[in-house]
Amino acid sequence: MKCAHCGAEINADEAMAVGGQKVCEDCYIDLAAKPKACDPWAVYSAQNLSPEHITVSERQAQIMDYLEKNGPTPPEKLAADLNLSMDDFEREMAPLRHMEKVRAQLQDGRKVICLWADAAC
């Protein structure tokens, strides 16, 4: 049997149902537990952690470094330049937004990602 989302071969007894489709465990996690960029409880939690408890992953640090060097960037370009799929990019962005490290906004009618403290954004 093949995963309806990614096409990987899976055993029928390992398949999981999401939206009427049979998917592998990885796709199930991606589809069912996708992080949300706008999550007030996650923002509240991040704001109330001690600074020494806030860490970013290597990929998240790469995103922040890229934005520091290049300024506001459309999400698709940022993901492509860092060789990330849009799913991986969104998964890395959600915690950065919760920690108020990066934000999104419209510039000239298009969405861009920028550092939270970037005055140009």
N, C-alpha and C. Protein backbone atom coordinates (compact mmCIF):
# COMPACT_ATOMS: atom_id res chain seq x y z
N MET A 1 0.85 -1.17 0.00
CA MET A 1 0.00 0.00 0.00
C MET A 1 0.90 1.24 0.00
N LYS A 2 0.41 2.30 -0.63
CA LYS A 2 1.16 3.55 -0.70
C LYS A 2 0.48 4.63 0.13
N CYS A 3 1.30 5.47 0.73
CA CYS A 3 0.80 6.62 1.47
C CYS A 3 0.13 7.56 0.48
N ALA A 4 -1.08 7.99 0.79
CA ALA A 4 -1.84 8.87 -0.10
C ALA A 4 -1.22 10.26 -0.20
N HIS A 5 -0.36 10.62 0.75
CA HIS A 5 0.22 11.97 0.75
C HIS A 5 1.59 12.01 0.07
N CYS A 6 2.51 11.13 0.49
CA CYS A 6 3.88 11.18 -0.03
C CYS A 6 4.20 10.07 -1.01
N GLY A 7 3.37 9.03 -1.05
CA GLY A 7 3.59 7.94 -1.99
C GLY A 7 4.52 6.85 -1.49
N ALA A 8 4.99 6.94 -0.26
CA ALA A 8 5.89 5.93 0.29
C ALA A 8 5.14 4.61 0.51
N GLU A 9 5.87 3.51 0.36
CA GLU A 9 5.29 2.20 0.62
C GLU A 9 5.13 2.01 2.13
N ILE A 10 3.93 1.58 2.54
CA ILE A 10 3.67 1.33 3.96
C ILE A 10 2.86 0.04 4.10
N ASN A 11 2.98 -0.59 5.25
CA ASN A 11 2.17 -1.76 5.54
C ASN A 11 0.75 -1.29 5.86
N ALA A 12 -0.24 -2.04 5.43
CA ALA A 12 -1.63 -1.65 5.66
C ALA A 12 -1.94 -1.49 7.14
N ASP A 13 -1.32 -2.31 7.99
CA ASP A 13 -1.59 -2.21 9.43
C ASP A 13 -0.90 -1.01 10.08
N GLU A 14 0.02 -0.36 9.36
CA GLU A 14 0.70 0.83 9.88
C GLU A 14 0.08 2.12 9.36
N ALA A 15 -0.84 2.02 8.42
CA ALA A 15 -1.45 3.21 7.83
C ALA A 15 -2.35 3.91 8.84
N MET A 16 -2.39 5.23 8.74
CA MET A 16 -3.22 6.04 9.63
C MET A 16 -4.18 6.84 8.77
N ALA A 17 -5.37 7.10 9.30
CA ALA A 17 -6.39 7.81 8.53
C ALA A 17 -6.41 9.29 8.88
N VAL A 18 -6.36 10.12 7.83
CA VAL A 18 -6.49 11.57 7.98
C VAL A 18 -7.33 12.06 6.82
N GLY A 19 -8.43 12.71 7.12
CA GLY A 19 -9.28 13.25 6.07
C GLY A 19 -9.73 12.22 5.06
N GLY A 20 -9.97 11.00 5.51
CA GLY A 20 -10.43 9.95 4.62
C GLY A 20 -9.33 9.31 3.79
N GLN A 21 -8.09 9.66 4.03
CA GLN A 21 -6.96 9.09 3.31
C GLN A 21 -6.10 8.26 4.25
N LYS A 22 -5.46 7.24 3.70
CA LYS A 22 -4.53 6.41 4.46
C LYS A 22 -3.13 6.93 4.21
N VAL A 23 -2.44 7.32 5.29
CA VAL A 23 -1.13 7.92 5.17
C VAL A 23 -0.13 7.24 6.11
N CYS A 24 1.17 7.47 5.85
CA CYS A 24 2.22 6.96 6.73
C CYS A 24 2.28 7.80 8.01
N GLU A 25 3.04 7.32 8.97
CA GLU A 25 3.12 8.00 10.26
C GLU A 25 3.69 9.42 10.13
N ASP A 26 4.74 9.58 9.31
CA ASP A 26 5.34 10.91 9.12
C ASP A 26 4.33 11.90 8.55
N CYS A 27 3.59 11.47 7.54
CA CYS A 27 2.59 12.37 6.94
C CYS A 27 1.45 12.64 7.92
N TYR A 28 1.09 11.63 8.71
CA TYR A 28 0.05 11.82 9.71
C TYR A 28 0.44 12.93 10.67
N ILE A 29 1.68 12.88 11.15
CA ILE A 29 2.16 13.92 12.07
C ILE A 29 2.15 15.27 11.39
N ASP A 30 2.63 15.32 10.15
CA ASP A 30 2.65 16.59 9.41
C ASP A 30 1.24 17.15 9.21
N LEU A 31 0.29 16.29 8.90
CA LEU A 31 -1.07 16.75 8.60
C LEU A 31 -1.89 17.01 9.86
N ALA A 32 -1.71 16.21 10.88
CA ALA A 32 -2.56 16.31 12.06
C ALA A 32 -2.01 17.27 13.12
N ALA A 33 -0.71 17.43 13.15
CA ALA A 33 -0.11 18.24 14.22
C ALA A 33 0.74 19.37 13.66
N LYS A 34 0.28 19.96 12.59
CA LYS A 34 1.02 21.06 11.97
C LYS A 34 1.07 22.25 12.92
N PRO A 35 2.27 22.78 13.18
CA PRO A 35 2.35 23.94 14.08
C PRO A 35 1.66 25.16 13.48
N LYS A 36 1.05 25.95 14.33
CA LYS A 36 0.35 27.15 13.89
C LYS A 36 1.17 28.37 14.24
N ALA A 37 1.32 29.27 13.27
CA ALA A 37 2.09 30.49 13.51
C ALA A 37 1.37 31.40 14.50
N CYS A 38 0.06 31.44 14.43
CA CYS A 38 -0.73 32.31 15.32
C CYS A 38 -1.32 31.46 16.43
N ASP A 39 -0.60 31.34 17.52
CA ASP A 39 -1.02 30.52 18.65
C ASP A 39 -0.79 31.33 19.92
N PRO A 40 -1.83 32.03 20.42
CA PRO A 40 -1.65 32.91 21.58
C PRO A 40 -1.05 32.21 22.80
N TRP A 41 -1.41 30.96 23.04
CA TRP A 41 -0.89 30.26 24.20
C TRP A 41 0.61 30.00 24.03
N ALA A 42 1.05 29.66 22.83
CA ALA A 42 2.48 29.44 22.59
C ALA A 42 3.25 30.74 22.75
N VAL A 43 2.70 31.85 22.29
CA VAL A 43 3.35 33.16 22.46
C VAL A 43 3.45 33.49 23.94
N TYR A 44 2.38 33.30 24.68
CA TYR A 44 2.38 33.57 26.12
C TYR A 44 3.44 32.73 26.81
N SER A 45 3.50 31.45 26.46
CA SER A 45 4.48 30.55 27.08
C SER A 45 5.90 31.01 26.77
N ALA A 46 6.16 31.36 25.50
CA ALA A 46 7.51 31.80 25.10
C ALA A 46 7.89 33.09 25.82
N GLN A 47 6.95 33.99 26.00
CA GLN A 47 7.23 35.26 26.66
C GLN A 47 7.53 35.08 28.14
N ASN A 48 7.03 34.01 28.73
CA ASN A 48 7.20 33.80 30.16
C ASN A 48 8.29 32.81 30.52
N LEU A 49 9.06 32.37 29.53
CA LEU A 49 10.22 31.53 29.80
C LEU A 49 11.41 32.43 30.12
N SER A 50 12.29 31.94 30.95
CA SER A 50 13.53 32.68 31.22
C SER A 50 14.35 32.70 29.94
N PRO A 51 15.05 33.80 29.66
CA PRO A 51 15.85 33.88 28.43
C PRO A 51 16.82 32.73 28.24
N GLU A 52 17.36 32.20 29.33
CA GLU A 52 18.31 31.08 29.19
C GLU A 52 17.63 29.79 28.76
N HIS A 53 16.31 29.73 28.85
CA HIS A 53 15.58 28.54 28.41
C HIS A 53 15.11 28.63 26.96
N ILE A 54 15.31 29.76 26.34
CA ILE A 54 14.88 29.93 24.94
C ILE A 54 16.07 29.63 24.04
N THR A 55 15.91 28.60 23.24
CA THR A 55 16.95 28.23 22.28
C THR A 55 16.31 28.07 20.91
N VAL A 56 17.12 28.24 19.90
CA VAL A 56 16.64 28.04 18.53
C VAL A 56 17.45 26.91 17.91
N SER A 57 16.82 26.21 16.96
CA SER A 57 17.51 25.13 16.27
C SER A 57 18.51 25.71 15.27
N GLU A 58 19.32 24.85 14.71
CA GLU A 58 20.30 25.29 13.70
C GLU A 58 19.59 25.91 12.50
N ARG A 59 18.51 25.28 12.06
CA ARG A 59 17.75 25.82 10.93
C ARG A 59 17.13 27.17 11.26
N GLN A 60 16.60 27.29 12.47
CA GLN A 60 16.01 28.56 12.88
C GLN A 60 17.07 29.66 12.93
N ALA A 61 18.26 29.30 13.39
CA ALA A 61 19.36 30.27 13.41
C ALA A 61 19.73 30.67 11.98
N GLN A 62 19.69 29.72 11.05
CA GLN A 62 19.98 30.02 9.64
C GLN A 62 18.95 30.99 9.08
N ILE A 63 17.68 30.79 9.42
CA ILE A 63 16.62 31.69 8.96
C ILE A 63 16.89 33.10 9.48
N MET A 64 17.20 33.22 10.76
CA MET A 64 17.43 34.53 11.35
C MET A 64 18.68 35.19 10.76
N ASP A 65 19.74 34.42 10.54
CA ASP A 65 20.96 34.96 9.93
C ASP A 65 20.67 35.45 8.52
N TYR A 66 19.91 34.67 7.76
CA TYR A 66 19.55 35.05 6.39
C TYR A 66 18.81 36.39 6.40
N LEU A 67 17.84 36.51 7.28
CA LEU A 67 17.04 37.75 7.34
C LEU A 67 17.89 38.93 7.80
N GLU A 68 18.84 38.69 8.67
CA GLU A 68 19.71 39.77 9.12
C GLU A 68 20.57 40.29 7.95
N LYS A 69 21.03 39.37 7.10
CA LYS A 69 21.88 39.75 5.97
C LYS A 69 21.09 40.30 4.79
N ASN A 70 19.88 39.74 4.55
CA ASN A 70 19.14 40.06 3.33
C ASN A 70 17.90 40.91 3.53
N GLY A 71 17.49 41.11 4.78
CA GLY A 71 16.30 41.91 5.04
C GLY A 71 15.02 41.16 4.72
N PRO A 72 13.89 41.87 4.71
CA PRO A 72 12.58 41.23 4.45
C PRO A 72 12.59 40.43 3.15
N THR A 73 12.09 39.20 3.25
CA THR A 73 12.15 38.27 2.12
C THR A 73 10.84 37.50 2.02
N PRO A 74 10.32 37.31 0.80
CA PRO A 74 9.13 36.47 0.63
C PRO A 74 9.40 35.06 1.15
N PRO A 75 8.42 34.44 1.79
CA PRO A 75 8.64 33.12 2.39
C PRO A 75 9.12 32.06 1.38
N GLU A 76 8.58 32.09 0.16
CA GLU A 76 8.97 31.09 -0.84
C GLU A 76 10.45 31.23 -1.20
N LYS A 77 10.93 32.47 -1.34
CA LYS A 77 12.34 32.71 -1.67
C LYS A 77 13.23 32.31 -0.50
N LEU A 78 12.83 32.66 0.69
CA LEU A 78 13.60 32.31 1.88
C LEU A 78 13.74 30.80 2.01
N ALA A 79 12.63 30.08 1.85
CA ALA A 79 12.66 28.61 1.93
C ALA A 79 13.54 28.03 0.82
N ALA A 80 13.39 28.52 -0.40
CA ALA A 80 14.19 28.01 -1.52
C ALA A 80 15.67 28.28 -1.32
N ASP A 81 16.01 29.50 -0.88
CA ASP A 81 17.42 29.85 -0.68
C ASP A 81 18.06 29.02 0.42
N LEU A 82 17.28 28.58 1.40
CA LEU A 82 17.80 27.75 2.48
C LEU A 82 17.59 26.26 2.22
N ASN A 83 17.09 25.95 1.02
CA ASN A 83 16.87 24.56 0.60
C ASN A 83 15.93 23.81 1.54
N LEU A 84 14.82 24.48 1.89
CA LEU A 84 13.80 23.88 2.76
C LEU A 84 12.50 23.73 1.98
N SER A 85 11.79 22.65 2.23
CA SER A 85 10.43 22.53 1.67
C SER A 85 9.56 23.54 2.42
N MET A 86 8.44 23.90 1.84
CA MET A 86 7.55 24.86 2.52
C MET A 86 7.02 24.26 3.83
N ASP A 87 6.78 22.96 3.88
CA ASP A 87 6.34 22.32 5.13
C ASP A 87 7.42 22.46 6.21
N ASP A 88 8.68 22.17 5.85
CA ASP A 88 9.76 22.30 6.82
C ASP A 88 9.95 23.76 7.24
N PHE A 89 9.83 24.66 6.26
CA PHE A 89 9.97 26.08 6.54
C PHE A 89 8.91 26.53 7.54
N GLU A 90 7.66 26.16 7.32
CA GLU A 90 6.57 26.55 8.22
C GLU A 90 6.76 25.96 9.61
N ARG A 91 7.29 24.73 9.66
CA ARG A 91 7.53 24.08 10.95
C ARG A 91 8.62 24.82 11.73
N GLU A 92 9.61 25.36 11.05
CA GLU A 92 10.67 26.12 11.71
C GLU A 92 10.23 27.54 12.06
N MET A 93 9.35 28.10 11.24
CA MET A 93 8.91 29.48 11.46
C MET A 93 7.98 29.63 12.66
N ALA A 94 7.12 28.67 12.90
CA ALA A 94 6.13 28.80 13.97
C ALA A 94 6.77 29.12 15.32
N PRO A 95 7.79 28.37 15.77
CA PRO A 95 8.39 28.72 17.06
C PRO A 95 9.07 30.09 17.04
N LEU A 96 9.68 30.45 15.89
CA LEU A 96 10.32 31.76 15.81
C LEU A 96 9.30 32.88 15.97
N ARG A 97 8.11 32.68 15.42
CA ARG A 97 7.05 33.68 15.58
C ARG A 97 6.54 33.70 17.01
N HIS A 98 6.43 32.53 17.63
CA HIS A 98 5.97 32.46 19.01
C HIS A 98 6.95 33.18 19.95
N MET A 99 8.25 33.05 19.65
CA MET A 99 9.27 33.69 20.48
C MET A 99 9.48 35.16 20.10
N GLU A 100 8.71 35.63 19.14
CA GLU A 100 8.82 37.00 18.63
C GLU A 100 10.23 37.31 18.14
N LYS A 101 10.78 36.35 17.40
CA LYS A 101 12.08 36.53 16.74
C LYS A 101 11.89 37.00 15.30
N VAL A 102 10.82 36.52 14.64
CA VAL A 102 10.51 36.92 13.27
C VAL A 102 9.02 37.19 13.16
N ARG A 103 8.64 37.89 12.10
CA ARG A 103 7.22 38.16 11.85
C ARG A 103 7.00 38.25 10.36
N ALA A 104 5.75 38.22 9.99
CA ALA A 104 5.37 38.38 8.59
C ALA A 104 4.56 39.65 8.46
N GLN A 105 4.67 40.28 7.31
CA GLN A 105 3.85 41.45 7.04
C GLN A 105 3.78 41.65 5.53
N LEU A 106 2.87 42.51 5.10
CA LEU A 106 2.73 42.83 3.69
C LEU A 106 3.61 44.02 3.35
N GLN A 107 4.36 43.89 2.27
CA GLN A 107 5.14 44.99 1.71
C GLN A 107 4.83 45.04 0.22
N ASP A 108 4.33 46.17 -0.23
CA ASP A 108 3.96 46.33 -1.64
C ASP A 108 3.01 45.22 -2.09
N GLY A 109 2.09 44.84 -1.21
CA GLY A 109 1.08 43.85 -1.55
C GLY A 109 1.53 42.41 -1.52
N ARG A 110 2.74 42.14 -1.04
CA ARG A 110 3.19 40.74 -0.95
C ARG A 110 3.69 40.45 0.46
N LYS A 111 3.53 39.21 0.85
CA LYS A 111 3.94 38.78 2.19
C LYS A 111 5.45 38.63 2.23
N VAL A 112 6.06 39.18 3.28
CA VAL A 112 7.49 39.01 3.52
C VAL A 112 7.71 38.59 4.97
N ILE A 113 8.83 37.94 5.20
CA ILE A 113 9.26 37.54 6.53
C ILE A 113 10.41 38.45 6.91
N CYS A 114 10.40 38.95 8.16
CA CYS A 114 11.48 39.81 8.61
C CYS A 114 11.75 39.54 10.09
N LEU A 115 12.88 40.04 10.54
CA LEU A 115 13.19 39.95 11.96
C LEU A 115 12.20 40.80 12.75
N TRP A 116 11.87 40.36 13.93
CA TRP A 116 10.87 41.04 14.76
C TRP A 116 11.24 42.51 14.99
N ALA A 117 12.51 42.75 15.25
CA ALA A 117 12.95 44.11 15.61
C ALA A 117 13.37 44.94 14.39
N ASP A 118 13.20 44.42 13.19
CA ASP A 118 13.61 45.13 11.97
C ASP A 118 12.71 46.34 11.74
N ALA A 119 13.28 47.52 11.89
CA ALA A 119 12.49 48.76 11.72
C ALA A 119 12.05 48.97 10.28
N ALA A 120 12.75 48.37 9.32
CA ALA A 120 12.41 48.53 7.91
C ALA A 120 11.22 47.66 7.52
N CYS A 121 10.81 46.83 8.38
CA CYS A 121 9.73 45.89 8.04
C CYS A 121 8.41 46.33 8.63
